[in-house]
Amino acid sequence: MPLRRTITAGIAVAALVSIPRATAAAGPATSRATAKSAPVAVPSGGAIPQDPAYHTYSWPLIGRIINGYRAPGTPYGKGHRGIDIAAPVGTDVKASAPGVVAFAGSVAGNLWVSIDHPDGVRTSYGYLSSIAVAKGDLVARGQVIAASGLGHPGTEIPHLHFGARFGGDYIDPMLLLVPLDFSPLIRLGPLPALPD
């Protein structure tokens, strides 16, 4: 990919995750969500909580992390503003927590969804192959919002880019996610008897 297009795509993605959060004062959101979508609790007066709800967000999909979070030195500096989770193209991408869709569409030719959550976090799901929600939709935790795509241009492994912002700053989305329980996948054999 030519350097000019890469820079343009990077700036467009940075702008996407910088879109101001909707507040309660912005008025009621309209929803095309299904009847099983849970209502979103909006903090009273539109106030943003002091801290994100750490370790309470569901994984948007299950897969190997192939690229971790690296904080940028400046707002437009180098870094990786999220994590990349490997997944076959077309894998269901689910909302990590209840919220309101702040953006659903194309940025520099790539599909993205951003969701504003009651704790003040905005999550972003990127490099999608299709989108199942629209701006203003109420979404429930675990609701399918999109399908994964190829991932960052120029990478060989298809993946979902999952990012988060709080108070206008990028944060490591791993801090939001519940720890995965691998115990059902691990079978321990009996220990050999020790000599007396």
C-alpha atoms as a PDB file:
ATOM      1  CA  MET A   1       0.000   0.000   0.000  1.00  0.00           C
ATOM      2  CA  PRO A   2       1.458   3.404  -0.902  1.00  0.00           C
ATOM      3  CA  LEU A   3       2.654   5.505   2.051  1.00  0.00           C
ATOM      4  CA  ARG A   4       0.204   8.351   1.270  1.00  0.00           C
ATOM      5  CA  ARG A   5      -2.801   5.970   1.438  1.00  0.00           C
ATOM      6  CA  THR A   6      -1.495   4.399   4.665  1.00  0.00           C
ATOM      7  CA  ILE A   7      -1.141   7.824   6.304  1.00  0.00           C
ATOM      8  CA  THR A   8      -4.594   8.875   5.070  1.00  0.00           C
ATOM      9  CA  ALA A   9      -6.149   5.671   6.446  1.00  0.00           C
ATOM     10  CA  GLY A  10      -4.376   6.167   9.797  1.00  0.00           C
ATOM     11  CA  ILE A  11      -5.616   9.741  10.149  1.00  0.00           C
ATOM     12  CA  ALA A  12      -9.158   8.689   9.180  1.00  0.00           C
ATOM     13  CA  VAL A  13      -9.172   5.918  11.792  1.00  0.00           C
ATOM     14  CA  ALA A  14      -7.834   8.334  14.432  1.00  0.00           C
ATOM     15  CA  ALA A  15     -10.649  10.746  13.530  1.00  0.00           C
ATOM     16  CA  LEU A  16     -13.236   7.958  13.801  1.00  0.00           C
ATOM     17  CA  VAL A  17     -12.306   7.041  17.344  1.00  0.00           C
ATOM     18  CA  SER A  18     -12.110  10.750  18.234  1.00  0.00           C
ATOM     19  CA  ILE A  19     -15.769  11.498  17.380  1.00  0.00           C
ATOM     20  CA  PRO A  20     -17.274  13.171  20.474  1.00  0.00           C
ATOM     21  CA  ARG A  21     -19.383  10.936  22.701  1.00  0.00           C
ATOM     22  CA  ALA A  22     -23.156  11.346  22.677  1.00  0.00           C
ATOM     23  CA  THR A  23     -24.542  12.496  26.016  1.00  0.00           C
ATOM     24  CA  ALA A  24     -27.948  12.175  27.600  1.00  0.00           C
ATOM     25  CA  ALA A  25     -28.577  15.810  26.677  1.00  0.00           C
ATOM     26  CA  ALA A  26     -28.313  14.921  22.990  1.00  0.00           C
ATOM     27  CA  GLY A  27     -31.819  13.465  23.136  1.00  0.00           C
ATOM     28  CA  PRO A  28     -33.238   9.980  22.904  1.00  0.00           C
ATOM     29  CA  ALA A  29     -31.606   7.540  20.517  1.00  0.00           C
ATOM     30  CA  THR A  30     -33.736   5.774  17.984  1.00  0.00           C
ATOM     31  CA  SER A  31     -33.294   2.042  17.724  1.00  0.00           C
ATOM     32  CA  ARG A  32     -33.698  -0.638  15.112  1.00  0.00           C
ATOM     33  CA  ALA A  33     -32.436  -3.182  17.636  1.00  0.00           C
ATOM     34  CA  THR A  34     -34.341  -6.378  18.237  1.00  0.00           C
ATOM     35  CA  ALA A  35     -36.701  -6.858  21.153  1.00  0.00           C
ATOM     36  CA  LYS A  36     -34.050  -8.763  23.074  1.00  0.00           C
ATOM     37  CA  SER A  37     -31.744  -5.724  23.155  1.00  0.00           C
ATOM     38  CA  ALA A  38     -31.377  -4.451  26.692  1.00  0.00           C
ATOM     39  CA  PRO A  39     -31.945  -0.766  27.435  1.00  0.00           C
ATOM     40  CA  VAL A  40     -28.805   1.226  28.108  1.00  0.00           C
ATOM     41  CA  ALA A  41     -28.431   2.930  31.459  1.00  0.00           C
ATOM     42  CA  VAL A  42     -27.311   6.533  30.955  1.00  0.00           C
ATOM     43  CA  PRO A  43     -25.603   8.182  33.922  1.00  0.00           C
ATOM     44  CA  SER A  44     -27.782  10.874  35.502  1.00  0.00           C
ATOM     45  CA  GLY A  45     -27.156  14.316  34.043  1.00  0.00           C
ATOM     46  CA  GLY A  46     -24.993  12.817  31.317  1.00  0.00           C
ATOM     47  CA  ALA A  47     -22.013  12.706  33.700  1.00  0.00           C
ATOM     48  CA  ILE A  48     -19.207  10.364  32.728  1.00  0.00           C
ATOM     49  CA  PRO A  49     -17.988   8.023  35.485  1.00  0.00           C
ATOM     50  CA  GLN A  50     -14.469   8.578  36.822  1.00  0.00           C
ATOM     51  CA  ASP A  51     -13.223   5.141  35.788  1.00  0.00           C
ATOM     52  CA  PRO A  52     -14.078   2.590  33.119  1.00  0.00           C
ATOM     53  CA  ALA A  53     -15.742  -0.645  34.218  1.00  0.00           C
ATOM     54  CA  TYR A  54     -12.482  -2.607  34.180  1.00  0.00           C
ATOM     55  CA  HIS A  55     -12.629  -6.387  33.610  1.00  0.00           C
ATOM     56  CA  THR A  56     -16.384  -6.394  32.873  1.00  0.00           C
ATOM     57  CA  TYR A  57     -16.495  -6.266  29.055  1.00  0.00           C
ATOM     58  CA  SER A  58     -17.063  -9.435  27.033  1.00  0.00           C
ATOM     59  CA  TRP A  59     -14.671 -10.427  24.277  1.00  0.00           C
ATOM     60  CA  PRO A  60     -16.039  -9.285  20.882  1.00  0.00           C
ATOM     61  CA  LEU A  61     -14.914 -12.632  19.485  1.00  0.00           C
ATOM     62  CA  ILE A  62     -12.596 -15.370  20.673  1.00  0.00           C
ATOM     63  CA  GLY A  63      -9.210 -15.687  19.011  1.00  0.00           C
ATOM     64  CA  ARG A  64      -5.484 -15.314  19.426  1.00  0.00           C
ATOM     65  CA  ILE A  65      -4.153 -11.794  20.002  1.00  0.00           C
ATOM     66  CA  ILE A  66      -1.725 -11.178  17.164  1.00  0.00           C
ATOM     67  CA  ASN A  67      -0.924  -7.533  17.880  1.00  0.00           C
ATOM     68  CA  GLY A  68      -1.173  -5.841  21.264  1.00  0.00           C
ATOM     69  CA  TYR A  69      -1.856  -2.294  22.374  1.00  0.00           C
ATOM     70  CA  ARG A  70       0.970   0.251  22.128  1.00  0.00           C
ATOM     71  CA  ALA A  71       0.153   3.730  23.423  1.00  0.00           C
ATOM     72  CA  PRO A  72       0.939   6.557  21.002  1.00  0.00           C
ATOM     73  CA  GLY A  73       3.393   9.194  22.253  1.00  0.00           C
ATOM     74  CA  THR A  74       1.201  11.970  20.831  1.00  0.00           C
ATOM     75  CA  PRO A  75      -2.407  12.038  19.569  1.00  0.00           C
ATOM     76  CA  TYR A  76      -1.274  11.341  15.991  1.00  0.00           C
ATOM     77  CA  GLY A  77       1.981   9.560  16.814  1.00  0.00           C
ATOM     78  CA  LYS A  78       3.050   5.992  16.174  1.00  0.00           C
ATOM     79  CA  GLY A  79       1.415   3.280  18.220  1.00  0.00           C
ATOM     80  CA  HIS A  80      -1.265   0.627  17.994  1.00  0.00           C
ATOM     81  CA  ARG A  81      -4.483   1.959  19.467  1.00  0.00           C
ATOM     82  CA  GLY A  82      -6.102  -1.381  20.217  1.00  0.00           C
ATOM     83  CA  ILE A  83      -5.586  -5.112  19.939  1.00  0.00           C
ATOM     84  CA  ASP A  84      -5.886  -7.361  16.910  1.00  0.00           C
ATOM     85  CA  ILE A  85      -7.736 -10.635  17.499  1.00  0.00           C
ATOM     86  CA  ALA A  86      -7.257 -13.337  14.842  1.00  0.00           C
ATOM     87  CA  ALA A  87     -10.489 -14.698  13.361  1.00  0.00           C
ATOM     88  CA  PRO A  88     -11.634 -16.120  10.025  1.00  0.00           C
ATOM     89  CA  VAL A  89     -13.313 -13.581   7.736  1.00  0.00           C
ATOM     90  CA  GLY A  90     -17.051 -13.502   8.462  1.00  0.00           C
ATOM     91  CA  THR A  91     -16.817 -14.380  12.172  1.00  0.00           C
ATOM     92  CA  ASP A  92     -19.598 -12.768  14.252  1.00  0.00           C
ATOM     93  CA  VAL A  93     -18.386  -9.666  16.104  1.00  0.00           C
ATOM     94  CA  LYS A  94     -20.381  -8.999  19.272  1.00  0.00           C
ATOM     95  CA  ALA A  95     -20.859  -5.876  21.374  1.00  0.00           C
ATOM     96  CA  SER A  96     -18.590  -6.116  24.409  1.00  0.00           C
ATOM     97  CA  ALA A  97     -21.015  -4.219  26.645  1.00  0.00           C
ATOM     98  CA  PRO A  98     -24.414  -2.548  26.281  1.00  0.00           C
ATOM     99  CA  GLY A  99     -24.400   0.859  24.635  1.00  0.00           C
ATOM    100  CA  VAL A 100     -25.450   3.099  21.780  1.00  0.00           C
ATOM    101  CA  VAL A 101     -23.904   2.866  18.311  1.00  0.00           C
ATOM    102  CA  ALA A 102     -22.028   6.141  17.774  1.00  0.00           C
ATOM    103  CA  PHE A 103     -20.757   5.286  14.281  1.00  0.00           C
ATOM    104  CA  ALA A 104     -21.311   2.497  11.760  1.00  0.00           C
ATOM    105  CA  GLY A 105     -19.821   2.909   8.316  1.00  0.00           C
ATOM    106  CA  SER A 106     -16.782   3.261   6.131  1.00  0.00           C
ATOM    107  CA  VAL A 107     -13.551   5.078   6.974  1.00  0.00           C
ATOM    108  CA  ALA A 108     -10.912   5.203   4.239  1.00  0.00           C
ATOM    109  CA  GLY A 109     -12.543   2.204   2.556  1.00  0.00           C
ATOM    110  CA  ASN A 110     -12.721   0.063   5.716  1.00  0.00           C
ATOM    111  CA  LEU A 111     -15.860  -0.732   7.742  1.00  0.00           C
ATOM    112  CA  TRP A 112     -15.992   0.309  11.412  1.00  0.00           C
ATOM    113  CA  VAL A 113     -18.478   0.315  14.298  1.00  0.00           C
ATOM    114  CA  SER A 114     -18.046   2.444  17.440  1.00  0.00           C
ATOM    115  CA  ILE A 115     -20.209   2.053  20.543  1.00  0.00           C
ATOM    116  CA  ASP A 116     -20.608   4.472  23.468  1.00  0.00           C
ATOM    117  CA  HIS A 117     -21.055   2.669  26.803  1.00  0.00           C
ATOM    118  CA  PRO A 118     -22.626   3.943  30.061  1.00  0.00           C
ATOM    119  CA  ASP A 119     -19.231   3.974  31.846  1.00  0.00           C
ATOM    120  CA  GLY A 120     -17.906   6.576  29.392  1.00  0.00           C
ATOM    121  CA  VAL A 121     -15.883   4.160  27.255  1.00  0.00           C
ATOM    122  CA  ARG A 122     -16.159   4.156  23.466  1.00  0.00           C
ATOM    123  CA  THR A 123     -15.200   0.820  21.902  1.00  0.00           C
ATOM    124  CA  SER A 124     -14.354   0.518  18.220  1.00  0.00           C
ATOM    125  CA  TYR A 125     -14.452  -2.581  16.052  1.00  0.00           C
ATOM    126  CA  GLY A 126     -12.565  -2.299  12.792  1.00  0.00           C
ATOM    127  CA  TYR A 127     -11.691  -3.805   9.449  1.00  0.00           C
ATOM    128  CA  LEU A 128     -15.084  -5.509   9.209  1.00  0.00           C
ATOM    129  CA  SER A 129     -16.578  -7.385   6.244  1.00  0.00           C
ATOM    130  CA  SER A 130     -20.174  -6.313   7.036  1.00  0.00           C
ATOM    131  CA  ILE A 131     -22.113  -4.249   9.572  1.00  0.00           C
ATOM    132  CA  ALA A 132     -25.382  -5.312  11.263  1.00  0.00           C
ATOM    133  CA  VAL A 133     -26.206  -2.063  13.157  1.00  0.00           C
ATOM    134  CA  ALA A 134     -26.706   1.629  12.427  1.00  0.00           C
ATOM    135  CA  LYS A 135     -25.850   4.866  14.246  1.00  0.00           C
ATOM    136  CA  GLY A 136     -28.237   5.385  17.161  1.00  0.00           C
ATOM    137  CA  ASP A 137     -29.080   1.696  17.674  1.00  0.00           C
ATOM    138  CA  LEU A 138     -29.183   0.398  21.234  1.00  0.00           C
ATOM    139  CA  VAL A 139     -27.086  -2.742  21.532  1.00  0.00           C
ATOM    140  CA  ALA A 140     -26.917  -5.385  24.236  1.00  0.00           C
ATOM    141  CA  ARG A 141     -23.812  -7.192  25.459  1.00  0.00           C
ATOM    142  CA  GLY A 142     -23.207 -10.126  23.137  1.00  0.00           C
ATOM    143  CA  GLN A 143     -25.417  -8.798  20.320  1.00  0.00           C
ATOM    144  CA  VAL A 144     -23.942  -9.386  16.865  1.00  0.00           C
ATOM    145  CA  ILE A 145     -22.971  -5.995  15.456  1.00  0.00           C
ATOM    146  CA  ALA A 146     -20.796  -6.989  12.490  1.00  0.00           C
ATOM    147  CA  ALA A 147     -18.708  -9.678  10.804  1.00  0.00           C
ATOM    148  CA  SER A 148     -14.922  -9.686  10.924  1.00  0.00           C
ATOM    149  CA  GLY A 149     -12.899  -8.863   7.831  1.00  0.00           C
ATOM    150  CA  LEU A 150      -9.339  -9.137   6.577  1.00  0.00           C
ATOM    151  CA  GLY A 151      -7.838  -6.849   9.226  1.00  0.00           C
ATOM    152  CA  HIS A 152      -5.190  -4.172   8.841  1.00  0.00           C
ATOM    153  CA  PRO A 153      -4.136  -3.708   5.203  1.00  0.00           C
ATOM    154  CA  GLY A 154      -0.989  -5.649   4.422  1.00  0.00           C
ATOM    155  CA  THR A 155      -1.357  -8.261   7.172  1.00  0.00           C
ATOM    156  CA  GLU A 156      -1.565 -11.949   6.337  1.00  0.00           C
ATOM    157  CA  ILE A 157      -3.761 -13.144   9.220  1.00  0.00           C
ATOM    158  CA  PRO A 158      -7.446 -12.049   9.105  1.00  0.00           C
ATOM    159  CA  HIS A 159      -8.392 -10.307  12.336  1.00  0.00           C
ATOM    160  CA  LEU A 160     -10.621  -7.858  14.177  1.00  0.00           C
ATOM    161  CA  HIS A 161      -9.123  -4.597  15.428  1.00  0.00           C
ATOM    162  CA  PHE A 162     -10.670  -3.809  18.839  1.00  0.00           C
ATOM    163  CA  GLY A 163      -9.941  -0.426  20.415  1.00  0.00           C
ATOM    164  CA  ALA A 164     -11.159   1.709  23.317  1.00  0.00           C
ATOM    165  CA  ARG A 165     -11.107   5.335  24.425  1.00  0.00           C
ATOM    166  CA  PHE A 166     -11.994   6.875  27.765  1.00  0.00           C
ATOM    167  CA  GLY A 167     -12.145  10.612  28.443  1.00  0.00           C
ATOM    168  CA  GLY A 168     -10.729  11.247  24.982  1.00  0.00           C
ATOM    169  CA  ASP A 169      -7.643   9.083  25.568  1.00  0.00           C
ATOM    170  CA  TYR A 170      -6.831   5.698  24.114  1.00  0.00           C
ATOM    171  CA  ILE A 171      -6.728   2.905  26.685  1.00  0.00           C
ATOM    172  CA  ASP A 172      -5.597  -0.688  26.472  1.00  0.00           C
ATOM    173  CA  PRO A 173      -8.809  -2.645  25.764  1.00  0.00           C
ATOM    174  CA  MET A 174      -7.343  -5.683  27.545  1.00  0.00           C
ATOM    175  CA  LEU A 175      -7.999  -3.780  30.795  1.00  0.00           C
ATOM    176  CA  LEU A 176     -11.721  -3.830  30.010  1.00  0.00           C
ATOM    177  CA  LEU A 177     -12.076  -7.492  29.054  1.00  0.00           C
ATOM    178  CA  VAL A 178     -13.082 -10.244  31.452  1.00  0.00           C
ATOM    179  CA  PRO A 179     -10.368 -12.864  31.863  1.00  0.00           C
ATOM    180  CA  LEU A 180     -11.050 -15.938  29.756  1.00  0.00           C
ATOM    181  CA  ASP A 181     -11.601 -19.238  31.576  1.00  0.00           C
ATOM    182  CA  PHE A 182      -9.596 -21.957  29.891  1.00  0.00           C
ATOM    183  CA  SER A 183     -10.161 -24.540  32.619  1.00  0.00           C
ATOM    184  CA  PRO A 184     -12.782 -26.493  30.601  1.00  0.00           C
ATOM    185  CA  LEU A 185     -10.188 -26.910  27.841  1.00  0.00           C
ATOM    186  CA  ILE A 186      -7.421 -28.227  30.072  1.00  0.00           C
ATOM    187  CA  ARG A 187      -7.470 -31.840  31.175  1.00  0.00           C
ATOM    188  CA  LEU A 188      -4.877 -32.745  33.717  1.00  0.00           C
ATOM    189  CA  GLY A 189      -3.820 -36.368  33.958  1.00  0.00           C
ATOM    190  CA  PRO A 190      -3.121 -38.119  37.226  1.00  0.00           C
ATOM    191  CA  LEU A 191       0.260 -37.481  38.779  1.00  0.00           C
ATOM    192  CA  PRO A 192       2.653 -40.389  38.903  1.00  0.00           C
ATOM    193  CA  ALA A 193       3.056 -42.029  42.308  1.00  0.00           C
ATOM    194  CA  LEU A 194       6.064 -40.824  44.260  1.00  0.00           C
ATOM    195  CA  PRO A 195       8.512 -43.423  45.603  1.00  0.00           C
ATOM    196  CA  ASP A 196       8.373 -43.960  49.379  1.00  0.00           C
END
